[in-house]
Amino acid sequence: MLLNMNKGIGALFIFVLGIAFIASTSFAGENEWLKFDAGLAKAKKENKSIVVDFYTDWCHWCKVMEKQTFENADVAKKLKERFVTVRVNAEAQNEQVTFQNQKMSNVQLTRSFGVTGYPSIAFMDANGKPITIVPGFVKADMFIHILDFIDLKCYEKDVSFEQFMEKGGCGKTKS
């Protein structure tokens, strides 16, 4: 009887550990998506580049990118550790932001970035200066390379993304 009870307690212990492990790994990859102004302030304070996800509620590919790219474990880890993540509902007229010392709605902000389709991902430096915009759905394996390119500041070294991919970094290209 005591042996069966010990087996039951052992099984319960393993079950609880398994649940705790699943919960910790599920939430470990989640990123904090900030509003635009809060994201800019955090990026400046932490000296991190910014990823801005311009989305709409009706956008199918925005939802696909959320599930397949942003929730990918490698992407989520890189975003959490090296970037400040911002999400902008491109159609929210009632949400106000400040960009380049001007107050504007999310719709105006979206236009100022030249966004014409969704999803569109803008990258900004820690001071809020736009680096580039990547339109459309991007698969996780390619998005990791884009994050690395931005994180290594290859754009400051006059290295194109194509050269970065060819060389596997932003070192000097072949002559």
Protein backbone atom coordinates (compact mmCIF):
# COMPACT_ATOMS: atom_id res chain seq x y z
CA MET A 1 0.00 0.00 0.00
CA LEU A 2 2.77 2.43 0.97
CA LEU A 3 4.67 1.52 -2.22
CA ASN A 4 1.63 2.31 -4.39
CA MET A 5 1.18 5.62 -2.55
CA ASN A 6 4.83 6.53 -3.17
CA LYS A 7 4.42 5.72 -6.88
CA GLY A 8 1.34 7.95 -6.95
CA ILE A 9 3.19 10.82 -5.27
CA GLY A 10 6.13 10.33 -7.65
CA ALA A 11 3.81 10.40 -10.66
CA LEU A 12 2.09 13.51 -9.32
CA PHE A 13 5.48 15.18 -8.76
CA ILE A 14 6.58 14.41 -12.34
CA PHE A 15 3.23 15.68 -13.65
CA VAL A 16 3.57 18.98 -11.73
CA LEU A 17 7.16 19.40 -12.95
CA GLY A 18 6.02 18.80 -16.52
CA ILE A 19 3.28 21.43 -16.25
CA ALA A 20 5.75 23.91 -14.73
CA PHE A 21 8.22 23.26 -17.55
CA ILE A 22 5.59 23.72 -20.26
CA ALA A 23 4.37 26.94 -18.65
CA SER A 24 7.88 28.34 -18.32
CA THR A 25 8.82 27.59 -21.93
CA SER A 26 5.50 28.87 -23.26
CA PHE A 27 5.82 32.23 -21.59
CA ALA A 28 9.60 32.55 -21.99
CA GLY A 29 9.23 33.38 -25.67
CA GLU A 30 6.50 35.97 -25.33
CA ASN A 31 7.52 39.51 -26.11
CA GLU A 32 6.23 42.69 -24.60
CA TRP A 33 4.69 44.69 -27.44
CA LEU A 34 4.66 48.34 -26.45
CA LYS A 35 2.84 51.38 -27.75
CA PHE A 36 4.96 53.58 -30.02
CA ASP A 37 5.90 56.34 -27.54
CA ALA A 38 6.68 53.89 -24.73
CA GLY A 39 8.78 51.79 -27.10
CA LEU A 40 10.85 54.77 -28.23
CA ALA A 41 11.50 55.78 -24.62
CA LYS A 42 12.50 52.25 -23.62
CA ALA A 43 14.79 51.85 -26.65
CA LYS A 44 16.60 55.08 -25.87
CA LYS A 45 16.97 54.13 -22.19
CA GLU A 46 18.23 50.60 -22.98
CA ASN A 47 20.13 51.54 -26.16
CA LYS A 48 18.32 48.91 -28.23
CA SER A 49 17.05 48.95 -31.78
CA ILE A 50 13.29 48.99 -32.30
CA VAL A 51 11.06 46.63 -34.27
CA VAL A 52 7.73 48.25 -35.20
CA ASP A 53 4.96 45.93 -36.36
CA PHE A 54 2.43 47.90 -38.43
CA TYR A 55 -0.73 45.76 -38.52
CA THR A 56 -4.49 45.90 -38.94
CA ASP A 57 -7.16 43.84 -37.23
CA TRP A 58 -8.45 42.45 -40.54
CA CYS A 59 -5.03 41.48 -41.96
CA HIS A 60 -4.73 37.72 -42.45
CA TRP A 61 -0.96 37.80 -43.04
CA CYS A 62 -0.45 39.85 -39.86
CA LYS A 63 -1.97 36.98 -37.89
CA VAL A 64 0.13 34.43 -39.78
CA MET A 65 3.27 36.44 -39.06
CA GLU A 66 2.33 36.61 -35.38
CA LYS A 67 1.96 32.83 -35.13
CA GLN A 68 4.70 31.63 -37.49
CA THR A 69 7.35 34.32 -37.10
CA PHE A 70 7.02 36.32 -33.89
CA GLU A 71 6.08 33.25 -31.82
CA ASN A 72 8.94 31.19 -33.24
CA ALA A 73 11.23 30.37 -30.29
CA ASP A 74 14.44 31.68 -31.93
CA VAL A 75 12.80 34.88 -33.17
CA ALA A 76 11.06 35.50 -29.84
CA LYS A 77 14.32 35.02 -27.93
CA LYS A 78 16.24 37.39 -30.20
CA LEU A 79 13.49 40.01 -30.04
CA LYS A 80 13.26 39.79 -26.27
CA GLU A 81 17.01 40.00 -25.67
CA ARG A 82 18.18 42.47 -28.32
CA PHE A 83 15.24 44.67 -29.39
CA VAL A 84 12.35 46.75 -28.15
CA THR A 85 9.15 45.60 -29.81
CA VAL A 86 6.39 48.02 -30.74
CA ARG A 87 3.03 47.31 -32.28
CA VAL A 88 1.04 49.96 -34.16
CA ASN A 89 -2.56 49.42 -35.27
CA ALA A 90 -2.26 51.27 -38.56
CA GLU A 91 -5.97 52.15 -38.63
CA ALA A 92 -6.34 53.52 -35.10
CA GLN A 93 -7.29 57.17 -35.66
CA ASN A 94 -7.84 57.70 -31.93
CA GLU A 95 -4.34 56.65 -30.81
CA GLN A 96 -1.89 59.55 -30.69
CA VAL A 97 1.90 59.24 -30.90
CA THR A 98 4.83 61.62 -31.11
CA PHE A 99 7.32 61.09 -33.90
CA GLN A 100 10.05 63.52 -34.94
CA ASN A 101 8.60 66.11 -32.53
CA GLN A 102 5.14 65.95 -34.12
CA LYS A 103 1.92 64.65 -32.60
CA MET A 104 0.02 62.40 -34.97
CA SER A 105 -2.45 59.53 -35.12
CA ASN A 106 -1.38 55.97 -35.85
CA VAL A 107 -2.79 56.45 -39.36
CA GLN A 108 -0.56 59.49 -39.91
CA LEU A 109 2.43 57.65 -38.41
CA THR A 110 1.84 54.74 -40.75
CA ARG A 111 1.74 57.10 -43.73
CA SER A 112 4.90 58.89 -42.55
CA PHE A 113 6.73 55.54 -42.68
CA GLY A 114 5.46 54.97 -46.23
CA VAL A 115 3.59 51.80 -45.27
CA THR A 116 1.16 50.72 -48.00
CA GLY A 117 0.48 47.09 -47.08
CA TYR A 118 0.31 44.83 -44.06
CA PRO A 119 2.11 43.50 -42.25
CA SER A 120 5.00 45.93 -42.55
CA ILE A 121 7.90 45.83 -40.14
CA ALA A 122 9.91 48.99 -39.55
CA PHE A 123 13.32 48.95 -37.91
CA MET A 124 14.58 51.98 -36.00
CA ASP A 125 17.78 52.71 -34.12
CA ALA A 126 17.81 53.37 -30.37
CA ASN A 127 17.26 57.10 -31.01
CA GLY A 128 14.13 56.51 -33.06
CA LYS A 129 15.72 57.07 -36.46
CA PRO A 130 14.17 54.80 -39.13
CA ILE A 131 16.57 52.25 -40.63
CA THR A 132 14.38 50.35 -43.09
CA ILE A 133 10.94 48.86 -43.63
CA VAL A 134 10.25 45.28 -44.64
CA PRO A 135 6.79 44.88 -46.21
CA GLY A 136 4.76 41.68 -46.14
CA PHE A 137 4.93 38.36 -44.39
CA VAL A 138 8.45 37.14 -43.56
CA LYS A 139 9.15 33.55 -42.53
CA ALA A 140 10.94 33.02 -39.23
CA ASP A 141 14.16 31.65 -40.76
CA MET A 142 14.57 34.79 -42.91
CA PHE A 143 13.40 37.16 -40.15
CA ILE A 144 16.24 35.91 -37.90
CA HIS A 145 18.75 37.01 -40.57
CA ILE A 146 17.10 40.43 -40.82
CA LEU A 147 17.26 40.80 -37.03
CA ASP A 148 20.95 39.85 -37.06
CA PHE A 149 21.64 42.36 -39.85
CA ILE A 150 19.99 45.14 -37.83
CA ASP A 151 21.46 44.04 -34.50
CA LEU A 152 25.02 43.98 -35.92
CA LYS A 153 24.39 47.43 -37.46
CA CYS A 154 25.53 46.25 -40.88
CA TYR A 155 23.56 49.12 -42.43
CA GLU A 156 26.05 51.52 -40.78
CA LYS A 157 28.94 49.67 -42.44
CA ASP A 158 27.58 50.06 -45.98
CA VAL A 159 26.93 46.33 -46.20
CA SER A 160 23.82 45.38 -48.14
CA PHE A 161 21.55 42.65 -46.87
CA GLU A 162 22.53 40.55 -49.90
CA GLN A 163 26.22 40.91 -48.99
CA PHE A 164 25.40 40.07 -45.38
CA MET A 165 23.65 36.88 -46.45
CA GLU A 166 26.46 35.94 -48.84
CA LYS A 167 29.22 36.48 -46.26
CA GLY A 168 27.24 35.39 -43.20
CA GLY A 169 27.99 38.68 -41.49
CA CYS A 170 28.97 42.30 -42.11
CA GLY A 171 32.66 41.80 -42.67
CA LYS A 172 34.31 43.06 -45.82
CA THR A 173 32.90 41.67 -49.04
CA LYS A 174 34.95 39.92 -51.71
CA SER A 175 36.73 42.22 -54.15
